C-alpha atoms as a PDB file:
ATOM      1  CA  MET A   1     130.510 -63.620 191.895  1.00  0.00           C
ATOM      2  CA  ALA A   2     132.333 -63.288 195.182  1.00  0.00           C
ATOM      3  CA  GLY A   3     134.978 -60.656 195.743  1.00  0.00           C
ATOM      4  CA  ALA A   4     136.877 -59.323 198.736  1.00  0.00           C
ATOM      5  CA  ALA A   5     135.258 -59.575 202.148  1.00  0.00           C
ATOM      6  CA  GLY A   6     132.137 -57.437 202.282  1.00  0.00           C
ATOM      7  CA  HIS A   7     132.107 -56.815 198.512  1.00  0.00           C
ATOM      8  CA  THR A   8     130.336 -58.508 195.618  1.00  0.00           C
ATOM      9  CA  ALA A   9     131.113 -58.108 191.921  1.00  0.00           C
ATOM     10  CA  ILE A  10     128.105 -58.084 189.605  1.00  0.00           C
ATOM     11  CA  VAL A  11     128.627 -59.074 185.982  1.00  0.00           C
ATOM     12  CA  PHE A  12     126.066 -58.403 183.257  1.00  0.00           C
ATOM     13  CA  HIS A  13     126.019 -60.669 180.216  1.00  0.00           C
ATOM     14  CA  ILE A  14     124.480 -58.951 177.213  1.00  0.00           C
ATOM     15  CA  ARG A  15     123.408 -60.653 174.041  1.00  0.00           C
ATOM     16  CA  GLU A  16     122.960 -57.826 171.592  1.00  0.00           C
ATOM     17  CA  GLY A  17     121.464 -59.642 168.661  1.00  0.00           C
ATOM     18  CA  ARG A  18     120.877 -57.829 165.384  1.00  0.00           C
ATOM     19  CA  ARG A  19     120.056 -54.147 165.167  1.00  0.00           C
ATOM     20  CA  VAL A  20     116.372 -53.458 164.617  1.00  0.00           C
ATOM     21  CA  TYR A  21     115.639 -51.578 161.423  1.00  0.00           C
ATOM     22  CA  VAL A  22     112.444 -49.711 160.645  1.00  0.00           C
ATOM     23  CA  ARG A  23     110.248 -51.158 157.936  1.00  0.00           C
ATOM     24  CA  GLU A  24     107.408 -48.633 158.363  1.00  0.00           C
ATOM     25  CA  VAL A  25     106.597 -45.333 160.097  1.00  0.00           C
ATOM     26  CA  ARG A  26     102.940 -44.411 160.555  1.00  0.00           C
ATOM     27  CA  LEU A  27     101.340 -41.194 161.723  1.00  0.00           C
ATOM     28  CA  GLU A  28      97.908 -41.752 163.196  1.00  0.00           C
ATOM     29  CA  GLY A  29      95.506 -38.819 163.394  1.00  0.00           C
ATOM     30  CA  ALA A  30      96.831 -36.824 160.433  1.00  0.00           C
ATOM     31  CA  GLU A  31      93.688 -35.511 158.784  1.00  0.00           C
ATOM     32  CA  GLN A  32      94.135 -31.899 157.721  1.00  0.00           C
ATOM     33  CA  ALA A  33      97.898 -31.871 157.165  1.00  0.00           C
ATOM     34  CA  SER A  34      99.686 -34.234 154.796  1.00  0.00           C
ATOM     35  CA  GLU A  35     100.999 -37.347 156.565  1.00  0.00           C
ATOM     36  CA  ARG A  36     103.709 -37.708 153.938  1.00  0.00           C
ATOM     37  CA  GLU A  37     104.934 -34.139 154.425  1.00  0.00           C
ATOM     38  CA  ALA A  38     104.830 -34.464 158.197  1.00  0.00           C
ATOM     39  CA  LEU A  39     106.869 -37.688 158.248  1.00  0.00           C
ATOM     40  CA  GLY A  40     109.313 -36.116 155.812  1.00  0.00           C
ATOM     41  CA  GLU A  41     110.348 -33.716 158.577  1.00  0.00           C
ATOM     42  CA  ILE A  42     111.691 -36.392 160.926  1.00  0.00           C
ATOM     43  CA  GLU A  43     114.963 -38.314 160.786  1.00  0.00           C
ATOM     44  CA  LEU A  44     113.453 -41.726 161.524  1.00  0.00           C
ATOM     45  CA  GLN A  45     112.743 -43.267 158.126  1.00  0.00           C
ATOM     46  CA  PRO A  46     112.094 -46.815 156.829  1.00  0.00           C
ATOM     47  CA  ARG A  47     114.979 -48.698 155.269  1.00  0.00           C
ATOM     48  CA  ARG A  48     115.132 -48.089 151.520  1.00  0.00           C
ATOM     49  CA  LEU A  49     117.220 -49.461 148.662  1.00  0.00           C
ATOM     50  CA  PHE A  50     119.336 -51.748 150.829  1.00  0.00           C
ATOM     51  CA  GLY A  51     120.336 -48.887 153.078  1.00  0.00           C
ATOM     52  CA  PHE A  52     121.828 -46.643 150.410  1.00  0.00           C
ATOM     53  CA  ILE A  53     119.235 -43.934 151.038  1.00  0.00           C
ATOM     54  CA  SER A  54     118.306 -44.693 154.624  1.00  0.00           C
ATOM     55  CA  ARG A  55     119.667 -47.341 156.977  1.00  0.00           C
ATOM     56  CA  GLY A  56     116.429 -47.031 158.911  1.00  0.00           C
ATOM     57  CA  TYR A  57     117.685 -48.127 162.328  1.00  0.00           C
ATOM     58  CA  TYR A  58     115.467 -47.501 165.303  1.00  0.00           C
ATOM     59  CA  VAL A  59     117.261 -45.400 167.950  1.00  0.00           C
ATOM     60  CA  PRO A  60     115.010 -44.721 170.986  1.00  0.00           C
ATOM     61  CA  SER A  61     117.133 -41.812 172.234  1.00  0.00           C
ATOM     62  CA  GLN A  62     116.400 -39.865 169.021  1.00  0.00           C
ATOM     63  CA  MET A  63     112.634 -40.189 169.283  1.00  0.00           C
ATOM     64  CA  GLU A  64     112.053 -37.044 171.365  1.00  0.00           C
ATOM     65  CA  ALA A  65     113.964 -34.936 168.837  1.00  0.00           C
ATOM     66  CA  ASP A  66     111.750 -36.292 166.050  1.00  0.00           C
ATOM     67  CA  LEU A  67     108.599 -35.534 168.045  1.00  0.00           C
ATOM     68  CA  ALA A  68     109.858 -31.963 168.481  1.00  0.00           C
ATOM     69  CA  ARG A  69     110.303 -31.713 164.709  1.00  0.00           C
ATOM     70  CA  LEU A  70     106.726 -32.910 164.195  1.00  0.00           C
ATOM     71  CA  ARG A  71     105.414 -30.314 166.640  1.00  0.00           C
ATOM     72  CA  ALA A  72     107.323 -27.617 164.773  1.00  0.00           C
ATOM     73  CA  PHE A  73     105.868 -28.855 161.474  1.00  0.00           C
ATOM     74  CA  TYR A  74     102.310 -28.494 162.740  1.00  0.00           C
ATOM     75  CA  ARG A  75     102.983 -25.140 164.367  1.00  0.00           C
ATOM     76  CA  LYS A  76     104.334 -23.748 161.100  1.00  0.00           C
ATOM     77  CA  ARG A  77     101.040 -24.643 159.472  1.00  0.00           C
ATOM     78  CA  GLY A  78      98.803 -23.047 162.068  1.00  0.00           C
ATOM     79  CA  PHE A  79      98.038 -26.064 164.271  1.00  0.00           C
ATOM     80  CA  LEU A  80      99.186 -24.247 167.397  1.00  0.00           C
ATOM     81  CA  ALA A  81      97.538 -26.701 169.811  1.00  0.00           C
ATOM     82  CA  ALA A  82      98.620 -29.911 168.059  1.00  0.00           C
ATOM     83  CA  ASP A  83      99.456 -32.761 170.446  1.00  0.00           C
ATOM     84  CA  VAL A  84     102.154 -35.114 169.149  1.00  0.00           C
ATOM     85  CA  GLY A  85     103.301 -38.298 170.879  1.00  0.00           C
ATOM     86  CA  PHE A  86     104.869 -41.744 170.531  1.00  0.00           C
ATOM     87  CA  GLY A  87     102.343 -44.449 169.657  1.00  0.00           C
ATOM     88  CA  GLY A  88     104.476 -47.560 170.124  1.00  0.00           C
ATOM     89  CA  ILE A  89     106.701 -49.977 168.252  1.00  0.00           C
ATOM     90  CA  ASP A  90     105.780 -53.409 166.867  1.00  0.00           C
ATOM     91  CA  LEU A  91     108.577 -55.945 166.312  1.00  0.00           C
ATOM     92  CA  ASP A  92     108.334 -58.797 163.859  1.00  0.00           C
ATOM     93  CA  GLU A  93     108.662 -62.410 165.065  1.00  0.00           C
ATOM     94  CA  LYS A  94     112.422 -62.487 164.493  1.00  0.00           C
ATOM     95  CA  LYS A  95     112.834 -59.105 166.238  1.00  0.00           C
ATOM     96  CA  THR A  96     114.879 -57.708 163.372  1.00  0.00           C
ATOM     97  CA  SER A  97     112.442 -55.142 161.976  1.00  0.00           C
ATOM     98  CA  ALA A  98     109.869 -52.842 163.480  1.00  0.00           C
ATOM     99  CA  SER A  99     106.854 -50.760 162.627  1.00  0.00           C
ATOM    100  CA  VAL A 100     106.839 -47.429 164.494  1.00  0.00           C
ATOM    101  CA  THR A 101     103.649 -45.504 165.169  1.00  0.00           C
ATOM    102  CA  LEU A 102     103.453 -41.802 165.993  1.00  0.00           C
ATOM    103  CA  LYS A 103     100.225 -40.108 167.006  1.00  0.00           C
ATOM    104  CA  VAL A 104      98.911 -36.601 166.520  1.00  0.00           C
ATOM    105  CA  HIS A 105      95.795 -34.743 167.545  1.00  0.00           C
ATOM    106  CA  GLU A 106      95.843 -31.796 165.182  1.00  0.00           C
ATOM    107  CA  GLY A 107      93.236 -29.692 166.927  1.00  0.00           C
ATOM    108  CA  THR A 108      92.218 -26.275 165.628  1.00  0.00           C
ATOM    109  CA  ARG A 109      93.997 -24.664 162.713  1.00  0.00           C
ATOM    110  CA  TYR A 110      94.399 -20.999 163.579  1.00  0.00           C
ATOM    111  CA  VAL A 111      93.882 -17.958 161.379  1.00  0.00           C
ATOM    112  CA  LEU A 112      96.091 -14.872 161.701  1.00  0.00           C
ATOM    113  CA  GLU A 113      93.555 -12.145 162.408  1.00  0.00           C
ATOM    114  CA  ALA A 114      95.848  -9.161 162.975  1.00  0.00           C
ATOM    115  CA  VAL A 115      99.429  -7.968 163.492  1.00  0.00           C
ATOM    116  CA  ARG A 116     100.278  -5.392 166.152  1.00  0.00           C
ATOM    117  CA  VAL A 117     103.444  -3.585 167.293  1.00  0.00           C
ATOM    118  CA  GLU A 118     104.081  -2.354 170.824  1.00  0.00           C
ATOM    119  CA  GLY A 119     106.760  -0.568 172.832  1.00  0.00           C
ATOM    120  CA  HIS A 120     108.093   1.593 169.976  1.00  0.00           C
ATOM    121  CA  LYS A 121     108.708   5.350 170.165  1.00  0.00           C
ATOM    122  CA  LEU A 122     110.696   6.345 167.090  1.00  0.00           C
ATOM    123  CA  PHE A 123     108.200   5.474 164.348  1.00  0.00           C
ATOM    124  CA  PRO A 124     104.386   5.537 163.937  1.00  0.00           C
ATOM    125  CA  THR A 125     102.467   2.359 164.648  1.00  0.00           C
ATOM    126  CA  LYS A 126     100.804   2.124 161.244  1.00  0.00           C
ATOM    127  CA  LEU A 127     104.141   2.560 159.477  1.00  0.00           C
ATOM    128  CA  LEU A 128     105.789  -0.297 161.388  1.00  0.00           C
ATOM    129  CA  GLU A 129     102.805  -2.592 160.914  1.00  0.00           C
ATOM    130  CA  ARG A 130     102.966  -1.909 157.194  1.00  0.00           C
ATOM    131  CA  GLU A 131     106.718  -2.508 157.055  1.00  0.00           C
ATOM    132  CA  ALA A 132     106.347  -5.859 158.820  1.00  0.00           C
ATOM    133  CA  ALA A 133     104.464  -6.920 155.666  1.00  0.00           C
ATOM    134  CA  VAL A 134     102.702  -9.871 157.291  1.00  0.00           C
ATOM    135  CA  LYS A 135      99.481 -10.845 155.520  1.00  0.00           C
ATOM    136  CA  THR A 136      96.464 -11.398 157.721  1.00  0.00           C
ATOM    137  CA  GLY A 137      93.231 -13.285 157.148  1.00  0.00           C
ATOM    138  CA  GLY A 138      94.851 -16.592 156.183  1.00  0.00           C
ATOM    139  CA  PHE A 139      96.063 -19.573 158.168  1.00  0.00           C
ATOM    140  CA  PHE A 140      98.795 -18.816 160.683  1.00  0.00           C
ATOM    141  CA  ALA A 141     102.318 -19.654 159.472  1.00  0.00           C
ATOM    142  CA  ALA A 142     105.303 -19.366 161.807  1.00  0.00           C
ATOM    143  CA  GLU A 143     107.688 -18.521 158.967  1.00  0.00           C
ATOM    144  CA  ASP A 144     105.593 -15.454 158.086  1.00  0.00           C
ATOM    145  CA  ILE A 145     105.930 -14.147 161.640  1.00  0.00           C
ATOM    146  CA  ASP A 146     109.697 -14.708 161.574  1.00  0.00           C
ATOM    147  CA  GLU A 147     109.944 -12.912 158.234  1.00  0.00           C
ATOM    148  CA  GLY A 148     107.982  -9.964 159.610  1.00  0.00           C
ATOM    149  CA  LEU A 149     110.401  -9.692 162.513  1.00  0.00           C
ATOM    150  CA  LEU A 150     113.344  -9.530 160.099  1.00  0.00           C
ATOM    151  CA  HIS A 151     111.577  -6.818 158.093  1.00  0.00           C
ATOM    152  CA  LEU A 152     111.229  -4.679 161.229  1.00  0.00           C
ATOM    153  CA  ILE A 153     114.881  -5.128 162.201  1.00  0.00           C
ATOM    154  CA  ARG A 154     116.003  -4.102 158.715  1.00  0.00           C
ATOM    155  CA  TRP A 155     113.749  -1.028 158.860  1.00  0.00           C
ATOM    156  CA  TYR A 156     115.375   0.149 162.062  1.00  0.00           C
ATOM    157  CA  GLU A 157     118.866  -0.535 160.750  1.00  0.00           C
ATOM    158  CA  GLU A 158     118.181   1.527 157.617  1.00  0.00           C
ATOM    159  CA  HIS A 159     116.250   4.409 159.209  1.00  0.00           C
ATOM    160  CA  ALA A 160     117.503   4.690 162.776  1.00  0.00           C
ATOM    161  CA  ASP A 161     120.962   3.058 162.698  1.00  0.00           C
ATOM    162  CA  ILE A 162     119.975   0.699 165.509  1.00  0.00           C
ATOM    163  CA  ALA A 163     118.877  -2.901 165.704  1.00  0.00           C
ATOM    164  CA  PRO A 164     116.414  -3.114 168.599  1.00  0.00           C
ATOM    165  CA  ARG A 165     115.487  -6.320 170.355  1.00  0.00           C
ATOM    166  CA  ILE A 166     112.129  -7.459 169.017  1.00  0.00           C
ATOM    167  CA  GLU A 167     110.099 -10.248 170.599  1.00  0.00           C
ATOM    168  CA  ALA A 168     107.163 -11.901 168.864  1.00  0.00           C
ATOM    169  CA  ARG A 169     104.291 -13.408 170.835  1.00  0.00           C
ATOM    170  CA  LEU A 170     100.748 -14.570 170.114  1.00  0.00           C
ATOM    171  CA  GLU A 171      97.467 -13.400 171.568  1.00  0.00           C
ATOM    172  CA  TYR A 172      94.536 -15.775 171.161  1.00  0.00           C
ATOM    173  CA  GLY A 173      91.117 -14.394 170.332  1.00  0.00           C
ATOM    174  CA  GLU A 174      87.707 -15.963 169.862  1.00  0.00           C
ATOM    175  CA  GLY A 175      87.436 -19.285 168.065  1.00  0.00           C
ATOM    176  CA  ASN A 176      90.436 -19.935 165.869  1.00  0.00           C
ATOM    177  CA  LYS A 177      91.667 -16.324 165.663  1.00  0.00           C
ATOM    178  CA  VAL A 178      95.155 -15.285 166.745  1.00  0.00           C
ATOM    179  CA  THR A 179      97.011 -11.946 166.742  1.00  0.00           C
ATOM    180  CA  ALA A 180     100.782 -11.645 166.308  1.00  0.00           C
ATOM    181  CA  ILE A 181     102.344  -8.970 168.514  1.00  0.00           C
ATOM    182  CA  TYR A 182     105.841  -7.558 168.017  1.00  0.00           C
ATOM    183  CA  LYS A 183     107.264  -6.074 171.222  1.00  0.00           C
ATOM    184  CA  ILE A 184     109.966  -3.588 170.184  1.00  0.00           C
ATOM    185  CA  LEU A 185     112.583  -2.678 172.779  1.00  0.00           C
ATOM    186  CA  GLU A 186     114.354   0.342 171.345  1.00  0.00           C
ATOM    187  CA  GLU A 187     116.067   1.189 174.640  1.00  0.00           C
ATOM    188  CA  GLU A 188     118.233  -1.900 174.262  1.00  0.00           C
ATOM    189  CA  HIS A 189     120.536   0.323 172.195  1.00  0.00           C
ATOM    190  CA  TYR A 190     122.116   3.586 173.254  1.00  0.00           C
ATOM    191  CA  LEU A 191     121.854   6.590 170.983  1.00  0.00           C
ATOM    192  CA  THR A 192     124.912   8.804 170.544  1.00  0.00           C
ATOM    193  CA  GLY A 193     124.739  12.496 171.159  1.00  0.00           C
ATOM    194  CA  ARG A 194     126.712  15.100 169.291  1.00  0.00           C
ATOM    195  CA  VAL A 195     130.026  13.847 167.877  1.00  0.00           C
ATOM    196  CA  ARG A 196     132.906  16.332 167.933  1.00  0.00           C
ATOM    197  CA  ILE A 197     136.205  15.635 166.179  1.00  0.00           C
ATOM    198  CA  GLY A 198     139.289  17.816 166.608  1.00  0.00           C
ATOM    199  CA  GLY A 199     142.923  17.838 165.655  1.00  0.00           C
ATOM    200  CA  ASN A 200     142.498  17.852 161.876  1.00  0.00           C
ATOM    201  CA  GLU A 201     143.814  21.406 161.333  1.00  0.00           C
ATOM    202  CA  TRP A 202     146.139  20.291 158.554  1.00  0.00           C
ATOM    203  CA  THR A 203     143.795  18.323 156.291  1.00  0.00           C
ATOM    204  CA  ARG A 204     140.611  20.252 157.120  1.00  0.00           C
ATOM    205  CA  ASP A 205     138.754  17.106 156.077  1.00  0.00           C
ATOM    206  CA  ARG A 206     135.072  16.931 156.995  1.00  0.00           C
ATOM    207  CA  VAL A 207     135.075  13.760 159.046  1.00  0.00           C
END
């Protein structure tokens, strides 16, 4: 389409057609973890009951967020090296419905061998490890590590009147063993010295 001298206008004609809905979502490679539980974590779901439960539309821009949710699902259950990816989409002949495939390579399921604390000065190591209350010897679970971190913060708040910054990281051992390490940064909070209050000669209250 010609325009002013030296310029050309380009017009795109788009025929949208009908929105593609999802008739099926598959997860290939799920062997140790439940495929049903894994797919229950993502937002992409097949159309059900005429759309009253799930419209089931396929939105490509939301796929990466769903893959991140799948990775988190496997990590919570100890599959720390799980590889999750998009396996493709198959349209029907009328191009109105689609079957979506996701792929996972679960890899090794890790066992929590030990829990260790570092960087602390106010309390003994054994005491803090006990207060974290994280069970070892079973499969790694991310929620257990998060709960242990909260236990340590509460301990400091109740016994030292501070809430230090605590970072959790993992140290991999032989085979499928992993150690959770809590790095405690007590110096993130200043400690007050002696507090002196004056001017209460009249009430003599012990402030």
